[in-house]
Structures are given as C-alpha cells and as structure tokens.
Amino acid sequence: QKGWNTAHQLLIDHLLFLEPHIRRGELIPAVKKLYEGTLRVFLVLLHDFPSFLAGYHLSFCNVIPYTCVQLRNLVLSASPKGMQPPDPFTPNLKIDLLPEISQSPVVLSNVLGPIESFRGHLDAFLKDGQNNKFLSSLPSLLVKEGTNEVDAPRVNSLVMYVGIHALSRQQNSQISLSRTPEMEVLQKLMDFDDKGRYLCLNAIANQLRYPSSHTHYFSCVMLYLFSESKEVAVKEQATRVLLERLILHRPHPWGLLVTFIELIKNQRYGFWNYPFTRCATEIEKVFESVARSCMPPGSQQSTVSAGGEE
C-alpha cells in the first residue's frame, strides 16, 4: 500500500484531463483510444488491486463523468481482496443476515473536505433534527457558487457522511429510516430539479457495492425513497439510475443487483404497476430482459407477465 496515495492522485489527474473531452460527447480518435486504455487499466486494478479501488471509490466517483457508467461500474464492483460476496441471484437471499453486513467498509477518500463549510450546521441538525432552517437551506449549500448547478462531489460526500452518521446510531442490524434526521436530509435532496435529483440518486447508488453496513443502509434508502415518494418522477429516476448501470456488460456492483432484484421482485413496491415500465415497447423489452437475468426461472416469468396484464 506504500504507493497507493501517489497512484490514486495520478489516476485522479488522468480522469480530470479526460473529463472535458468526454463532456463534449464527440471523442476524437486519440481521446477514444485513451479512454479505452483507461478502461483496461481500471479492469487490471479491479482484478489485481481491488482493495485499492474499493478504498478510493468516493474520490474516483467524484471525477468520473456521470456518462461513463461502465467505468464507474468497474470502480464500484471492487471488493476487498479475499472477500467473496454471495451470489446476488440466490433465491430468498437475506442480506441483513450476512456477517459482513455489520462491518463498515474501509474508506481512504477524503469524505469531509467538500462539506467542511457547513459541516457544523449539518452535525447540529443530525443530532436532534430540530433546525428546520438548515434543512430548507440545504439545497443552496450544494450548488456551485454563482450557478444553479449541483456540485456532485459535495453531494457525494454529504450522502456518505449522512449514511455513516445514521449507522453510528443504529444499535443492531435493523435499519431504521422513517423519522430520522438522516432520512430527512436524503429526502430533501429529492426537491432538486430533474438534473440535480439525478446526481443525488447517483450519489446514493454509488454506495451500493460489496456486502457492508453502507451497502445495506443505502439499499434500504433507495427502496425507501422509491416506495415513500409521492412523485412518480422520483420513482422513475431511481429506476433509471439503477437500470442504466445494469444494462451494460459486467461487472455489476453486488449491492446494485441485490437492490434492483428486491425492487422488481417484492410486491410491496408495486414496481410493474407504474406506467414508466411500459411507456414504450423498447423500454418494456429492456425491463423484461433485465428481470429475466436478475431473477430465478419461474418466479420472474410470473412477475413480468403480471405486470404486463395490469
């Protein structure tokens, strides 16, 4: 691990160099080759140094453009060397009973840096949930100065910090979500416009990784936001964030698969009843294809067909 910090900084600088080229959308041949090489480097790191990627996942996600879903999947699929997560397709898998679920992941990134300017007020709110003035002003603290554009690294750090705080008050493996200051903060993020909300949901999905207390908590958060939100737009965007990471080639983060399987399989969420699952033939086929790959034979067929008949 002696050279990890230097290697991490070099990769961060490399991704920052690529970002403006990727943002333009059209890659010239030289940049396209460079990006393909970047994917190969991260694939090697995933295979040989997974603990490195897992430890620095937050800072890598801060600089990977949100359109580079495959590259982000590579980072988020990393689990500590020696860990072998159970097959997410195992029928009736109870993730809250896994021994790893009570363990916090190793975080080597600087979580506090981006939120240092308002951390004191955040801590005060998380302590008792009384300062409604802070909650109402939160969205304005998460935008870049002089713009209405959401600052993704700030949101990424906020989401992770709130999750760490929530877990520190949990007495056992049972995740409590409703009526907690942490959940109020995460629900407040859903008040952004479509683009801002998309970045916030991505920040939550970035924590759906290998079996750990963080993955368990944020899986519950994503499902809670889906079921409790009164706006269909939030449910549709949450689905989009999960789905666009799953329709690509493997690897897929373990926690992402577990969360999506629970969403489409558990009838309490009524996933197949929403019109966005059938708004176009192409979209419907994508959902059915993902459901087919995410669920065991037999159970998937009845769920998909039931959704289509209603």
C-alpha atoms as a PDB file:
ATOM      1  CA  GLN A   1       0.000   0.000   0.000  1.00  0.00           C
ATOM      2  CA  LYS A   2       3.027   2.260   0.101  1.00  0.00           C
ATOM      3  CA  GLY A   3       2.406   3.781  -3.322  1.00  0.00           C
ATOM      4  CA  TRP A   4      -1.383   3.855  -3.184  1.00  0.00           C
ATOM      5  CA  ASN A   5      -1.742   7.565  -2.429  1.00  0.00           C
ATOM      6  CA  THR A   6       0.531   8.531  -5.345  1.00  0.00           C
ATOM      7  CA  ALA A   7      -1.165   6.109  -7.746  1.00  0.00           C
ATOM      8  CA  HIS A   8      -4.564   7.434  -6.626  1.00  0.00           C
ATOM      9  CA  GLN A   9      -3.554  11.052  -7.304  1.00  0.00           C
ATOM     10  CA  LEU A  10      -2.125  10.195 -10.739  1.00  0.00           C
ATOM     11  CA  LEU A  11      -5.360   8.433 -11.722  1.00  0.00           C
ATOM     12  CA  ILE A  12      -7.431  11.364 -10.427  1.00  0.00           C
ATOM     13  CA  ASP A  13      -5.366  13.779 -12.560  1.00  0.00           C
ATOM     14  CA  HIS A  14      -5.751  11.477 -15.572  1.00  0.00           C
ATOM     15  CA  LEU A  15      -9.552  11.389 -15.174  1.00  0.00           C
ATOM     16  CA  LEU A  16      -9.667  15.178 -14.734  1.00  0.00           C
ATOM     17  CA  PHE A  17      -7.765  15.516 -18.023  1.00  0.00           C
ATOM     18  CA  LEU A  18     -10.283  13.270 -19.801  1.00  0.00           C
ATOM     19  CA  GLU A  19     -13.393  14.939 -18.346  1.00  0.00           C
ATOM     20  CA  PRO A  20     -13.726  17.995 -20.671  1.00  0.00           C
ATOM     21  CA  HIS A  21     -13.213  15.795 -23.745  1.00  0.00           C
ATOM     22  CA  ILE A  22     -15.903  13.350 -22.576  1.00  0.00           C
ATOM     23  CA  ARG A  23     -18.276  16.184 -21.668  1.00  0.00           C
ATOM     24  CA  ARG A  24     -18.269  17.341 -25.311  1.00  0.00           C
ATOM     25  CA  GLY A  25     -19.752  13.995 -26.332  1.00  0.00           C
ATOM     26  CA  GLU A  26     -17.783  13.545 -29.550  1.00  0.00           C
ATOM     27  CA  LEU A  27     -14.455  11.838 -28.886  1.00  0.00           C
ATOM     28  CA  ILE A  28     -11.654  12.350 -31.384  1.00  0.00           C
ATOM     29  CA  PRO A  29      -9.835   9.075 -32.241  1.00  0.00           C
ATOM     30  CA  ALA A  30      -6.852   9.821 -29.963  1.00  0.00           C
ATOM     31  CA  VAL A  31      -9.061  10.530 -26.922  1.00  0.00           C
ATOM     32  CA  LYS A  32     -11.195   7.490 -27.707  1.00  0.00           C
ATOM     33  CA  LYS A  33      -8.079   5.302 -27.630  1.00  0.00           C
ATOM     34  CA  LEU A  34      -7.010   6.940 -24.368  1.00  0.00           C
ATOM     35  CA  TYR A  35     -10.415   6.220 -22.815  1.00  0.00           C
ATOM     36  CA  GLU A  36     -10.298   2.582 -23.957  1.00  0.00           C
ATOM     37  CA  GLY A  37      -6.862   2.302 -22.353  1.00  0.00           C
ATOM     38  CA  THR A  38      -8.245   3.858 -19.160  1.00  0.00           C
ATOM     39  CA  LEU A  39     -10.940   1.176 -19.004  1.00  0.00           C
ATOM     40  CA  ARG A  40      -8.262  -1.517 -19.385  1.00  0.00           C
ATOM     41  CA  VAL A  41      -6.146  -0.011 -16.591  1.00  0.00           C
ATOM     42  CA  PHE A  42      -9.128   0.036 -14.219  1.00  0.00           C
ATOM     43  CA  LEU A  43     -10.004  -3.536 -15.221  1.00  0.00           C
ATOM     44  CA  VAL A  44      -6.475  -4.626 -14.249  1.00  0.00           C
ATOM     45  CA  LEU A  45      -6.802  -2.743 -10.945  1.00  0.00           C
ATOM     46  CA  LEU A  46     -10.147  -4.460 -10.305  1.00  0.00           C
ATOM     47  CA  HIS A  47      -8.527  -7.853 -10.874  1.00  0.00           C
ATOM     48  CA  ASP A  48      -5.194  -7.336  -9.073  1.00  0.00           C
ATOM     49  CA  PHE A  49      -5.760  -4.480  -6.595  1.00  0.00           C
ATOM     50  CA  PRO A  50      -9.484  -4.497  -5.748  1.00  0.00           C
ATOM     51  CA  SER A  51      -8.878  -3.116  -2.235  1.00  0.00           C
ATOM     52  CA  PHE A  52      -7.273  -0.021  -3.800  1.00  0.00           C
ATOM     53  CA  LEU A  53     -10.343   0.725  -5.944  1.00  0.00           C
ATOM     54  CA  ALA A  54     -12.734  -0.076  -3.098  1.00  0.00           C
ATOM     55  CA  GLY A  55     -10.913   2.205  -0.672  1.00  0.00           C
ATOM     56  CA  TYR A  56     -10.829   5.219  -3.005  1.00  0.00           C
ATOM     57  CA  HIS A  57     -14.240   4.717  -4.615  1.00  0.00           C
ATOM     58  CA  LEU A  58     -15.601   8.079  -3.423  1.00  0.00           C
ATOM     59  CA  SER A  59     -12.855  10.254  -4.896  1.00  0.00           C
ATOM     60  CA  PHE A  60     -12.898   8.296  -8.173  1.00  0.00           C
ATOM     61  CA  CYS A  61     -16.668   8.769  -8.457  1.00  0.00           C
ATOM     62  CA  ASN A  62     -16.163  12.497  -7.848  1.00  0.00           C
ATOM     63  CA  VAL A  63     -14.168  12.851 -11.077  1.00  0.00           C
ATOM     64  CA  ILE A  64     -15.643  10.143 -13.328  1.00  0.00           C
ATOM     65  CA  PRO A  65     -18.176  11.903 -15.622  1.00  0.00           C
ATOM     66  CA  TYR A  66     -21.713  10.680 -14.941  1.00  0.00           C
ATOM     67  CA  THR A  67     -21.986   9.493 -18.568  1.00  0.00           C
ATOM     68  CA  CYS A  68     -19.114   6.986 -18.044  1.00  0.00           C
ATOM     69  CA  VAL A  69     -21.312   4.347 -16.454  1.00  0.00           C
ATOM     70  CA  GLN A  70     -19.106   1.375 -17.394  1.00  0.00           C
ATOM     71  CA  LEU A  71     -16.008   2.947 -15.838  1.00  0.00           C
ATOM     72  CA  ARG A  72     -17.904   3.760 -12.652  1.00  0.00           C
ATOM     73  CA  ASN A  73     -19.240   0.192 -12.508  1.00  0.00           C
ATOM     74  CA  LEU A  74     -15.653  -1.100 -12.590  1.00  0.00           C
ATOM     75  CA  VAL A  75     -14.744   1.013  -9.561  1.00  0.00           C
ATOM     76  CA  LEU A  76     -17.907   0.150  -7.622  1.00  0.00           C
ATOM     77  CA  SER A  77     -17.618  -3.587  -8.347  1.00  0.00           C
ATOM     78  CA  ALA A  78     -14.370  -3.805  -6.379  1.00  0.00           C
ATOM     79  CA  SER A  79     -14.480  -5.621  -3.061  1.00  0.00           C
ATOM     80  CA  PRO A  80     -11.626  -6.116  -0.569  1.00  0.00           C
ATOM     81  CA  LYS A  81      -9.177  -8.818  -1.567  1.00  0.00           C
ATOM     82  CA  GLY A  82     -10.260 -12.181  -0.206  1.00  0.00           C
ATOM     83  CA  MET A  83     -13.948 -11.282   0.116  1.00  0.00           C
ATOM     84  CA  GLN A  84     -16.316 -13.446  -1.913  1.00  0.00           C
ATOM     85  CA  PRO A  85     -19.816 -11.933  -1.830  1.00  0.00           C
ATOM     86  CA  PRO A  86     -22.668 -14.461  -2.111  1.00  0.00           C
ATOM     87  CA  ASP A  87     -24.411 -14.831  -5.439  1.00  0.00           C
ATOM     88  CA  PRO A  88     -26.999 -11.993  -5.558  1.00  0.00           C
ATOM     89  CA  PHE A  89     -29.296 -14.288  -7.581  1.00  0.00           C
ATOM     90  CA  THR A  90     -29.571 -16.755  -4.689  1.00  0.00           C
ATOM     91  CA  PRO A  91     -33.321 -17.268  -4.022  1.00  0.00           C
ATOM     92  CA  ASN A  92     -34.516 -15.691  -0.749  1.00  0.00           C
ATOM     93  CA  LEU A  93     -31.100 -14.165  -0.025  1.00  0.00           C
ATOM     94  CA  LYS A  94     -31.295 -12.329   3.309  1.00  0.00           C
ATOM     95  CA  ILE A  95     -28.589  -9.703   3.154  1.00  0.00           C
ATOM     96  CA  ASP A  96     -29.281  -8.488   6.694  1.00  0.00           C
ATOM     97  CA  LEU A  97     -28.136 -11.919   7.976  1.00  0.00           C
ATOM     98  CA  LEU A  98     -24.743 -11.843   6.226  1.00  0.00           C
ATOM     99  CA  PRO A  99     -21.842 -11.424   8.686  1.00  0.00           C
ATOM    100  CA  GLU A 100     -20.256  -8.687   6.516  1.00  0.00           C
ATOM    101  CA  ILE A 101     -23.377  -6.503   6.788  1.00  0.00           C
ATOM    102  CA  SER A 102     -22.392  -5.372  10.278  1.00  0.00           C
ATOM    103  CA  GLN A 103     -18.915  -4.281   9.127  1.00  0.00           C
ATOM    104  CA  SER A 104     -18.086  -0.802   7.845  1.00  0.00           C
ATOM    105  CA  PRO A 105     -16.084  -0.558   4.611  1.00  0.00           C
ATOM    106  CA  VAL A 106     -12.580   0.915   4.525  1.00  0.00           C
ATOM    107  CA  VAL A 107     -12.775   4.488   3.169  1.00  0.00           C
ATOM    108  CA  LEU A 108      -9.486   6.062   2.081  1.00  0.00           C
ATOM    109  CA  SER A 109     -11.005   9.102   0.320  1.00  0.00           C
ATOM    110  CA  ASN A 110     -11.448  12.484   1.986  1.00  0.00           C
ATOM    111  CA  VAL A 111     -15.149  12.472   2.894  1.00  0.00           C
ATOM    112  CA  LEU A 112     -15.180  15.692   4.933  1.00  0.00           C
ATOM    113  CA  GLY A 113     -13.345  18.067   2.578  1.00  0.00           C
ATOM    114  CA  PRO A 114     -16.226  19.016   0.238  1.00  0.00           C
ATOM    115  CA  ILE A 115     -18.745  19.568   3.096  1.00  0.00           C
ATOM    116  CA  GLU A 116     -16.425  21.266   5.605  1.00  0.00           C
ATOM    117  CA  SER A 117     -18.008  24.698   5.050  1.00  0.00           C
ATOM    118  CA  PHE A 118     -21.374  23.633   6.505  1.00  0.00           C
ATOM    119  CA  ARG A 119     -20.450  20.526   8.473  1.00  0.00           C
ATOM    120  CA  GLY A 120     -21.057  22.192  11.865  1.00  0.00           C
ATOM    121  CA  HIS A 121     -24.654  23.084  10.947  1.00  0.00           C
ATOM    122  CA  LEU A 122     -25.153  19.610   9.462  1.00  0.00           C
ATOM    123  CA  ASP A 123     -23.917  17.930  12.652  1.00  0.00           C
ATOM    124  CA  ALA A 124     -26.237  20.075  14.749  1.00  0.00           C
ATOM    125  CA  PHE A 125     -29.227  19.078  12.607  1.00  0.00           C
ATOM    126  CA  LEU A 126     -28.311  15.374  12.602  1.00  0.00           C
ATOM    127  CA  LYS A 127     -28.039  15.470  16.388  1.00  0.00           C
ATOM    128  CA  ASP A 128     -31.681  16.360  17.048  1.00  0.00           C
ATOM    129  CA  GLY A 129     -33.387  17.197  13.737  1.00  0.00           C
ATOM    130  CA  GLN A 130     -34.695  20.472  15.168  1.00  0.00           C
ATOM    131  CA  ASN A 131     -33.114  23.094  12.899  1.00  0.00           C
ATOM    132  CA  ASN A 132     -35.604  23.251  10.029  1.00  0.00           C
ATOM    133  CA  LYS A 133     -33.924  26.412   8.774  1.00  0.00           C
ATOM    134  CA  PHE A 134     -30.808  24.384   7.949  1.00  0.00           C
ATOM    135  CA  LEU A 135     -32.853  21.747   6.132  1.00  0.00           C
ATOM    136  CA  SER A 136     -34.618  24.316   3.974  1.00  0.00           C
ATOM    137  CA  SER A 137     -31.288  25.980   3.091  1.00  0.00           C
ATOM    138  CA  LEU A 138     -29.518  22.685   2.310  1.00  0.00           C
ATOM    139  CA  PRO A 139     -30.106  22.684  -1.484  1.00  0.00           C
ATOM    140  CA  SER A 140     -28.461  26.120  -1.787  1.00  0.00           C
ATOM    141  CA  LEU A 141     -25.369  24.784   0.017  1.00  0.00           C
ATOM    142  CA  LEU A 142     -24.954  22.013  -2.559  1.00  0.00           C
ATOM    143  CA  VAL A 143     -24.702  24.129  -5.723  1.00  0.00           C
ATOM    144  CA  LYS A 144     -21.580  25.580  -7.302  1.00  0.00           C
ATOM    145  CA  GLU A 145     -21.015  29.229  -6.436  1.00  0.00           C
ATOM    146  CA  GLY A 146     -22.793  31.652  -8.763  1.00  0.00           C
ATOM    147  CA  THR A 147     -24.768  28.895 -10.524  1.00  0.00           C
ATOM    148  CA  ASN A 148     -27.749  26.616 -10.025  1.00  0.00           C
ATOM    149  CA  GLU A 149     -25.654  23.588 -10.942  1.00  0.00           C
ATOM    150  CA  VAL A 150     -25.401  20.880  -8.278  1.00  0.00           C
ATOM    151  CA  ASP A 151     -21.857  20.206  -7.061  1.00  0.00           C
ATOM    152  CA  ALA A 152     -21.564  16.414  -7.444  1.00  0.00           C
ATOM    153  CA  PRO A 153     -18.523  15.909  -5.130  1.00  0.00           C
ATOM    154  CA  ARG A 154     -20.318  17.868  -2.380  1.00  0.00           C
ATOM    155  CA  VAL A 155     -23.439  15.722  -2.764  1.00  0.00           C
ATOM    156  CA  ASN A 156     -21.359  12.517  -2.846  1.00  0.00           C
ATOM    157  CA  SER A 157     -19.642  13.458   0.424  1.00  0.00           C
ATOM    158  CA  LEU A 158     -22.886  14.599   2.058  1.00  0.00           C
ATOM    159  CA  VAL A 159     -24.682  11.346   1.210  1.00  0.00           C
ATOM    160  CA  MET A 160     -21.839   9.202   2.525  1.00  0.00           C
ATOM    161  CA  TYR A 161     -21.390  11.301   5.675  1.00  0.00           C
ATOM    162  CA  VAL A 162     -25.104  11.127   6.459  1.00  0.00           C
ATOM    163  CA  GLY A 163     -25.038   7.343   5.984  1.00  0.00           C
ATOM    164  CA  ILE A 164     -22.054   6.969   8.332  1.00  0.00           C
ATOM    165  CA  HIS A 165     -23.863   9.133  10.905  1.00  0.00           C
ATOM    166  CA  ALA A 166     -27.067   7.083  10.578  1.00  0.00           C
ATOM    167  CA  LEU A 167     -25.228   3.812  11.085  1.00  0.00           C
ATOM    168  CA  SER A 168     -23.437   5.109  14.171  1.00  0.00           C
ATOM    169  CA  ARG A 169     -26.794   5.498  15.923  1.00  0.00           C
ATOM    170  CA  GLN A 170     -28.068   2.049  14.918  1.00  0.00           C
ATOM    171  CA  GLN A 171     -27.988  -0.381  17.825  1.00  0.00           C
ATOM    172  CA  ASN A 172     -28.342  -3.521  15.715  1.00  0.00           C
ATOM    173  CA  SER A 173     -28.562  -4.680  12.113  1.00  0.00           C
ATOM    174  CA  GLN A 174     -32.147  -3.418  11.809  1.00  0.00           C
ATOM    175  CA  ILE A 175     -32.105  -0.286   9.642  1.00  0.00           C
ATOM    176  CA  SER A 176     -34.419   2.454  10.881  1.00  0.00           C
ATOM    177  CA  LEU A 177     -35.273   5.035   8.226  1.00  0.00           C
ATOM    178  CA  SER A 178     -38.514   6.857   8.891  1.00  0.00           C
ATOM    179  CA  ARG A 179     -38.500   9.957  11.080  1.00  0.00           C
ATOM    180  CA  THR A 180     -34.718  10.174  11.365  1.00  0.00           C
ATOM    181  CA  PRO A 181     -32.789  13.405  10.682  1.00  0.00           C
ATOM    182  CA  GLU A 182     -30.597  11.497   8.218  1.00  0.00           C
ATOM    183  CA  MET A 183     -33.586  10.425   6.152  1.00  0.00           C
ATOM    184  CA  GLU A 184     -34.952  13.964   6.203  1.00  0.00           C
ATOM    185  CA  VAL A 185     -31.683  15.156   4.656  1.00  0.00           C
ATOM    186  CA  LEU A 186     -31.748  12.456   1.962  1.00  0.00           C
ATOM    187  CA  GLN A 187     -35.412  13.129   1.177  1.00  0.00           C
ATOM    188  CA  LYS A 188     -34.663  16.858   0.914  1.00  0.00           C
ATOM    189  CA  LEU A 189     -32.276  16.049  -1.939  1.00  0.00           C
ATOM    190  CA  MET A 190     -35.292  14.877  -3.934  1.00  0.00           C
ATOM    191  CA  ASP A 191     -36.506  18.515  -4.074  1.00  0.00           C
ATOM    192  CA  PHE A 192     -33.927  19.384  -6.735  1.00  0.00           C
ATOM    193  CA  ASP A 193     -34.899  19.623 -10.402  1.00  0.00           C
ATOM    194  CA  ASP A 194     -34.508  16.548 -12.616  1.00  0.00           C
ATOM    195  CA  LYS A 195     -30.779  17.006 -13.256  1.00  0.00           C
ATOM    196  CA  GLY A 196     -29.941  17.741  -9.619  1.00  0.00           C
ATOM    197  CA  ARG A 197     -32.068  14.857  -8.376  1.00  0.00           C
ATOM    198  CA  TYR A 198     -30.377  12.531 -10.862  1.00  0.00           C
ATOM    199  CA  LEU A 199     -26.959  13.415  -9.399  1.00  0.00           C
ATOM    200  CA  CYS A 200     -28.272  12.867  -5.854  1.00  0.00           C
ATOM    201  CA  LEU A 201     -29.720   9.445  -6.696  1.00  0.00           C
ATOM    202  CA  ASN A 202     -26.419   8.548  -8.359  1.00  0.00           C
ATOM    203  CA  ALA A 203     -24.617   9.506  -5.145  1.00  0.00           C
ATOM    204  CA  ILE A 204     -26.816   7.020  -3.261  1.00  0.00           C
ATOM    205  CA  ALA A 205     -26.337   4.312  -5.908  1.00  0.00           C
ATOM    206  CA  ASN A 206     -22.554   4.808  -5.652  1.00  0.00           C
ATOM    207  CA  GLN A 207     -22.756   3.276  -2.163  1.00  0.00           C
ATOM    208  CA  LEU A 208     -24.378   0.046  -3.402  1.00  0.00           C
ATOM    209  CA  ARG A 209     -21.187  -2.004  -3.506  1.00  0.00           C
ATOM    210  CA  TYR A 210     -19.902  -5.148  -1.788  1.00  0.00           C
ATOM    211  CA  PRO A 211     -21.611  -6.531   1.378  1.00  0.00           C
ATOM    212  CA  SER A 212     -21.122  -3.990   4.186  1.00  0.00           C
ATOM    213  CA  SER A 213     -23.135  -1.836   6.566  1.00  0.00           C
ATOM    214  CA  HIS A 214     -23.032   1.014   3.994  1.00  0.00           C
ATOM    215  CA  THR A 215     -24.411  -1.140   1.173  1.00  0.00           C
ATOM    216  CA  HIS A 216     -27.190  -2.423   3.432  1.00  0.00           C
ATOM    217  CA  TYR A 217     -28.159   1.067   4.611  1.00  0.00           C
ATOM    218  CA  PHE A 218     -28.175   2.700   1.174  1.00  0.00           C
ATOM    219  CA  SER A 219     -30.041  -0.224  -0.373  1.00  0.00           C
ATOM    220  CA  CYS A 220     -32.760   0.390   2.218  1.00  0.00           C
ATOM    221  CA  VAL A 221     -32.594   4.142   1.470  1.00  0.00           C
ATOM    222  CA  MET A 222     -33.043   3.662  -2.281  1.00  0.00           C
ATOM    223  CA  LEU A 223     -36.014   1.327  -1.775  1.00  0.00           C
ATOM    224  CA  TYR A 224     -37.497   3.676   0.854  1.00  0.00           C
ATOM    225  CA  LEU A 225     -37.258   6.683  -1.489  1.00  0.00           C
ATOM    226  CA  PHE A 226     -38.935   4.640  -4.222  1.00  0.00           C
ATOM    227  CA  SER A 227     -41.809   3.444  -2.038  1.00  0.00           C
ATOM    228  CA  GLU A 228     -42.395   6.595   0.007  1.00  0.00           C
ATOM    229  CA  SER A 229     -42.074   9.303  -2.621  1.00  0.00           C
ATOM    230  CA  LYS A 230     -45.379  10.767  -3.745  1.00  0.00           C
ATOM    231  CA  GLU A 231     -43.867  11.851  -7.063  1.00  0.00           C
ATOM    232  CA  VAL A 232     -43.715   9.295  -9.854  1.00  0.00           C
ATOM    233  CA  ALA A 233     -40.785  11.286 -11.295  1.00  0.00           C
ATOM    234  CA  VAL A 234     -38.640  10.280  -8.290  1.00  0.00           C
ATOM    235  CA  LYS A 235     -39.554   6.603  -8.728  1.00  0.00           C
ATOM    236  CA  GLU A 236     -38.816   6.790 -12.447  1.00  0.00           C
ATOM    237  CA  GLN A 237     -35.428   8.467 -11.913  1.00  0.00           C
ATOM    238  CA  ALA A 238     -34.455   5.993  -9.174  1.00  0.00           C
ATOM    239  CA  THR A 239     -35.265   3.194 -11.617  1.00  0.00           C
ATOM    240  CA  ARG A 240     -33.252   4.882 -14.362  1.00  0.00           C
ATOM    241  CA  VAL A 241     -30.182   5.256 -12.124  1.00  0.00           C
ATOM    242  CA  LEU A 242     -30.263   1.535 -11.242  1.00  0.00           C
ATOM    243  CA  LEU A 243     -31.155   0.311 -14.714  1.00  0.00           C
ATOM    244  CA  GLU A 244     -28.556   2.248 -16.702  1.00  0.00           C
ATOM    245  CA  ARG A 245     -25.849   0.593 -14.596  1.00  0.00           C
ATOM    246  CA  LEU A 246     -27.312  -2.886 -15.186  1.00  0.00           C
ATOM    247  CA  ILE A 247     -27.862  -2.841 -18.954  1.00  0.00           C
ATOM    248  CA  LEU A 248     -24.115  -2.656 -19.602  1.00  0.00           C
ATOM    249  CA  HIS A 249     -21.659  -5.534 -19.746  1.00  0.00           C
ATOM    250  CA  ARG A 250     -20.433  -6.990 -16.465  1.00  0.00           C
ATOM    251  CA  PRO A 251     -19.147  -6.425 -13.872  1.00  0.00           C
ATOM    252  CA  HIS A 252     -22.105  -5.062 -11.923  1.00  0.00           C
ATOM    253  CA  PRO A 253     -21.777  -3.962  -8.287  1.00  0.00           C
ATOM    254  CA  TRP A 254     -23.177  -6.592  -5.908  1.00  0.00           C
ATOM    255  CA  GLY A 255     -25.331  -4.148  -3.932  1.00  0.00           C
ATOM    256  CA  LEU A 256     -26.790  -2.706  -7.117  1.00  0.00           C
ATOM    257  CA  LEU A 257     -28.006  -6.144  -8.229  1.00  0.00           C
ATOM    258  CA  VAL A 258     -29.410  -7.008  -4.795  1.00  0.00           C
ATOM    259  CA  THR A 259     -31.322  -3.703  -4.643  1.00  0.00           C
ATOM    260  CA  PHE A 260     -32.809  -3.970  -8.133  1.00  0.00           C
ATOM    261  CA  ILE A 261     -33.823  -7.603  -7.637  1.00  0.00           C
ATOM    262  CA  GLU A 262     -35.624  -6.636  -4.417  1.00  0.00           C
ATOM    263  CA  LEU A 263     -37.338  -3.726  -6.166  1.00  0.00           C
ATOM    264  CA  ILE A 264     -38.777  -5.758  -9.026  1.00  0.00           C
ATOM    265  CA  LYS A 265     -39.487  -8.928  -7.021  1.00  0.00           C
ATOM    266  CA  ASN A 266     -41.065  -7.607  -3.814  1.00  0.00           C
ATOM    267  CA  GLN A 267     -44.714  -6.844  -4.489  1.00  0.00           C
ATOM    268  CA  ARG A 268     -44.873  -4.179  -1.760  1.00  0.00           C
ATOM    269  CA  TYR A 269     -43.134  -1.781  -4.190  1.00  0.00           C
ATOM    270  CA  GLY A 270     -45.655  -2.437  -6.983  1.00  0.00           C
ATOM    271  CA  PHE A 271     -42.881  -1.836  -9.499  1.00  0.00           C
ATOM    272  CA  TRP A 272     -44.646  -3.304 -12.532  1.00  0.00           C
ATOM    273  CA  ASN A 273     -47.774  -1.233 -11.890  1.00  0.00           C
ATOM    274  CA  TYR A 274     -46.106   2.040 -12.869  1.00  0.00           C
ATOM    275  CA  PRO A 275     -46.646   3.250 -16.442  1.00  0.00           C
ATOM    276  CA  PHE A 276     -42.953   4.100 -16.972  1.00  0.00           C
ATOM    277  CA  THR A 277     -42.186   0.349 -17.068  1.00  0.00           C
ATOM    278  CA  ARG A 278     -44.363   0.092 -20.195  1.00  0.00           C
ATOM    279  CA  CYS A 279     -44.186   3.576 -21.754  1.00  0.00           C
ATOM    280  CA  ALA A 280     -42.641   2.172 -24.954  1.00  0.00           C
ATOM    281  CA  THR A 281     -42.147  -1.282 -26.416  1.00  0.00           C
ATOM    282  CA  GLU A 282     -38.351  -0.873 -26.350  1.00  0.00           C
ATOM    283  CA  ILE A 283     -38.375   0.126 -22.668  1.00  0.00           C
ATOM    284  CA  GLU A 284     -40.675  -2.772 -21.795  1.00  0.00           C
ATOM    285  CA  LYS A 285     -38.313  -5.207 -23.510  1.00  0.00           C
ATOM    286  CA  VAL A 286     -35.346  -3.793 -21.583  1.00  0.00           C
ATOM    287  CA  PHE A 287     -37.168  -4.269 -18.269  1.00  0.00           C
ATOM    288  CA  GLU A 288     -38.198  -7.809 -19.170  1.00  0.00           C
ATOM    289  CA  SER A 289     -34.654  -8.648 -20.271  1.00  0.00           C
ATOM    290  CA  VAL A 290     -33.144  -7.313 -17.033  1.00  0.00           C
ATOM    291  CA  ALA A 291     -35.823  -9.072 -14.965  1.00  0.00           C
ATOM    292  CA  ARG A 292     -35.052 -12.301 -16.800  1.00  0.00           C
ATOM    293  CA  SER A 293     -31.362 -12.041 -15.962  1.00  0.00           C
ATOM    294  CA  CYS A 294     -31.960 -10.828 -12.390  1.00  0.00           C
ATOM    295  CA  MET A 295     -34.460 -13.393 -11.209  1.00  0.00           C
ATOM    296  CA  PRO A 296     -34.541 -17.195 -10.987  1.00  0.00           C
ATOM    297  CA  PRO A 297     -36.511 -19.089 -13.658  1.00  0.00           C
ATOM    298  CA  GLY A 298     -40.214 -19.331 -12.900  1.00  0.00           C
ATOM    299  CA  SER A 299     -40.592 -16.500 -10.387  1.00  0.00           C
ATOM    300  CA  GLN A 300     -39.504 -13.919 -12.963  1.00  0.00           C
ATOM    301  CA  GLN A 301     -41.956 -15.085 -15.612  1.00  0.00           C
ATOM    302  CA  SER A 302     -44.992 -14.673 -13.367  1.00  0.00           C
ATOM    303  CA  THR A 303     -43.849 -11.265 -12.105  1.00  0.00           C
ATOM    304  CA  VAL A 304     -43.220  -9.822 -15.565  1.00  0.00           C
ATOM    305  CA  SER A 305     -46.431 -11.178 -17.055  1.00  0.00           C
ATOM    306  CA  ALA A 306     -48.460  -9.992 -14.072  1.00  0.00           C
ATOM    307  CA  GLY A 307     -47.028  -6.524 -14.539  1.00  0.00           C
ATOM    308  CA  GLY A 308     -47.883  -6.561 -18.220  1.00  0.00           C
ATOM    309  CA  GLU A 309     -51.504  -7.614 -17.694  1.00  0.00           C
ATOM    310  CA  GLU A 310     -52.457  -4.906 -15.237  1.00  0.00           C
END
